[in-house]
Protein backbone atom coordinates (compact mmCIF):
# COMPACT_ATOMS: atom_id res chain seq x y z
CA MET A 1 0.00 0.00 0.00
CA LYS A 2 1.35 3.40 -0.93
CA TYR A 3 1.05 6.48 1.23
CA ASP A 4 0.41 9.75 -0.59
CA ILE A 5 1.28 12.51 1.86
CA ALA A 6 -0.01 15.20 -0.54
CA LEU A 7 -3.35 13.43 -0.71
CA MET A 8 -3.47 13.05 3.06
CA TYR A 9 -2.79 16.78 3.49
CA THR A 10 -5.44 17.68 0.90
CA CYS A 11 -8.04 15.49 2.62
CA SER A 12 -7.09 16.88 6.05
CA LEU A 13 -7.49 20.43 4.76
CA ILE A 14 -10.90 19.54 3.34
CA GLU A 15 -11.85 18.14 6.75
CA PHE A 16 -10.52 21.25 8.54
CA ILE A 17 -12.42 23.61 6.23
CA GLY A 18 -15.57 21.51 6.62
CA ARG A 19 -15.40 21.80 10.39
CA LYS A 20 -14.59 25.50 10.34
CA ALA A 21 -17.27 26.40 7.78
CA LEU A 22 -19.80 23.86 9.10
CA LEU A 23 -20.15 22.21 5.70
CA ARG A 24 -20.42 18.65 4.48
CA ARG A 25 -17.06 17.58 3.15
CA GLY A 26 -18.45 16.92 -0.31
CA ASP A 27 -19.72 20.52 -0.37
CA VAL A 28 -16.24 21.75 0.54
CA VAL A 29 -14.77 19.88 -2.44
CA ARG A 30 -17.46 21.25 -4.74
CA LEU A 31 -17.04 24.83 -3.49
CA LEU A 32 -13.25 24.71 -3.75
CA GLY A 33 -13.56 23.44 -7.31
CA ASP A 34 -11.38 21.10 -9.32
CA ASP A 35 -8.62 23.62 -10.07
CA THR A 36 -8.21 24.66 -6.43
CA VAL A 37 -8.23 21.08 -5.15
CA ALA A 38 -5.58 20.23 -7.76
CA ARG A 39 -3.50 23.25 -6.68
CA ILE A 40 -3.70 22.22 -3.02
CA TYR A 41 -2.65 18.67 -3.96
CA ARG A 42 0.26 19.87 -6.12
CA HIS A 43 1.53 22.29 -3.47
CA ALA A 44 0.79 20.26 -0.35
CA ASP A 45 4.49 19.95 0.47
CA VAL A 46 4.78 23.75 0.75
CA LEU A 47 1.35 24.34 2.28
CA HIS A 48 2.07 21.74 4.97
CA SER A 49 4.83 23.97 6.35
CA GLU A 50 2.29 26.71 7.18
CA SER A 51 -0.46 26.63 9.78
CA ILE A 52 -3.50 24.76 8.53
CA GLU A 53 -5.69 27.53 9.96
CA ARG A 54 -4.06 30.16 7.73
CA VAL A 55 -4.16 27.91 4.66
CA ALA A 56 -7.84 27.12 5.30
CA ASP A 57 -8.70 30.80 5.69
CA GLU A 58 -6.90 31.64 2.45
CA TYR A 59 -8.67 28.99 0.41
CA MET A 60 -12.04 29.69 2.01
CA SER A 61 -11.67 33.36 1.11
CA MET A 62 -10.43 32.63 -2.44
CA SER A 63 -13.33 30.25 -3.03
CA GLY A 64 -16.00 32.39 -1.37
CA ILE A 65 -16.86 29.67 1.12
CA LYS A 66 -19.50 30.79 3.62
CA LYS A 67 -20.66 29.17 6.85
CA GLY A 68 -23.21 26.42 6.68
CA ASN A 69 -24.98 24.50 9.42
CA PHE A 70 -23.52 20.98 9.27
CA ASN A 71 -21.86 20.53 12.65
CA ASN A 72 -20.93 16.89 13.03
CA VAL A 73 -18.41 17.82 15.73
CA ALA A 74 -21.06 19.35 18.03
CA THR A 75 -23.43 16.42 17.54
CA CYS A 76 -20.76 13.84 18.34
CA ARG A 77 -21.44 12.03 21.60
CA TYR A 78 -17.97 10.50 21.78
CA GLU A 79 -14.39 11.53 21.22
CA VAL A 80 -14.11 13.48 17.96
CA PRO A 81 -11.39 12.22 15.63
CA ASP A 82 -8.98 14.99 14.69
CA TYR A 83 -8.84 16.35 11.16
CA TRP A 84 -5.49 14.64 10.46
CA THR A 85 -7.03 11.27 11.36
CA MET A 86 -9.99 11.86 9.08
CA GLY A 87 -7.66 13.07 6.34
CA GLU A 88 -5.83 9.77 6.58
CA VAL A 89 -9.08 7.76 6.46
CA PHE A 90 -10.10 9.50 3.25
CA GLU A 91 -6.58 9.31 1.81
CA ARG A 92 -6.47 5.53 2.27
CA LEU A 93 -9.95 5.01 0.81
CA ILE A 94 -9.14 7.16 -2.22
CA GLU A 95 -5.89 5.26 -2.78
CA ASP A 96 -7.66 1.92 -2.41
CA VAL A 97 -10.34 2.66 -5.03
CA ASP A 98 -8.27 4.82 -7.39
CA LYS A 99 -8.11 3.66 -10.98
CA GLY A 100 -5.37 6.06 -12.10
CA ASP A 101 -6.64 9.62 -11.58
CA VAL A 102 -6.36 10.40 -7.90
CA LEU A 103 -8.10 13.79 -8.12
CA ALA A 104 -11.06 12.35 -10.04
CA THR A 105 -11.27 9.62 -7.41
CA LEU A 106 -11.14 12.25 -4.65
CA ARG A 107 -14.14 14.04 -6.21
CA GLU A 108 -15.95 10.72 -6.59
CA VAL A 109 -15.36 9.62 -2.98
CA TYR A 110 -16.31 13.00 -1.50
CA GLY A 111 -19.43 13.03 -3.67
CA SER A 112 -20.51 9.57 -2.53
CA TRP A 113 -22.68 8.21 0.27
CA MET A 114 -19.49 7.05 1.98
CA CYS A 115 -18.38 10.62 2.69
CA ASP A 116 -21.42 11.33 4.87
CA ALA A 117 -21.19 7.89 6.48
CA LEU A 118 -17.56 8.52 7.46
CA SER A 119 -18.51 11.98 8.75
CA ASN A 120 -20.93 10.46 11.25
CA TYR A 121 -18.65 10.47 14.27
CA ASN A 122 -21.30 8.67 16.34
CA SER A 123 -20.64 5.53 14.32
CA ASP A 124 -17.44 3.55 14.32
CA LEU A 125 -17.14 3.36 10.53
CA PHE A 126 -14.09 5.61 10.32
CA TYR A 127 -12.23 3.24 12.70
CA GLN A 128 -12.78 0.20 10.47
CA PRO A 129 -9.92 -1.43 8.54
CA ARG A 130 -9.17 0.02 5.14
CA ASP A 131 -10.05 -3.17 3.26
CA TYR A 132 -13.50 -3.16 4.89
CA LEU A 133 -14.03 0.51 3.94
CA ARG A 134 -12.98 -0.27 0.37
CA GLU A 135 -15.43 -3.17 0.12
CA CYS A 136 -18.28 -1.09 1.57
CA TYR A 137 -17.54 1.72 -0.85
CA LEU A 138 -17.45 -0.62 -3.83
CA ALA A 139 -20.65 -2.38 -2.69
CA GLY A 140 -22.43 0.93 -2.19
CA GLU A 141 -23.47 0.09 1.37
CA ILE A 142 -22.21 -0.75 4.84
CA LEU A 143 -21.60 -4.48 4.86
CA ALA A 144 -22.29 -6.85 7.73
CA ALA A 145 -19.17 -7.57 9.73
């Protein structure tokens, strides 16, 4: 299994922006747009050296992202996974289902049912092994354990 640090950073930034702007993560990807997501991915090695708060503010401002009302952190009854952890969950899933165009796969995953399922911090789905997440994603549903 490969580990794409640029993809992990990109997914973590999407998670951070989603929490800050109170938006579903798929909406963040859509509002950032393909070109901006690609720029973040290409420059992740440089962006990673700056505070994620500043980078998020910059991209939110550039993309005109406004506050929403999706607050999965406030509705969580348990320990909230940090944005780096969620970035890694999405990074692994994207890698595991990618067919050769990682950014197209990123858009596909964030636009799928799985994105909202993983964003439900009251479930344990995001803690599941990567092969299980891959199989659920490909099946289009949460599979029996």
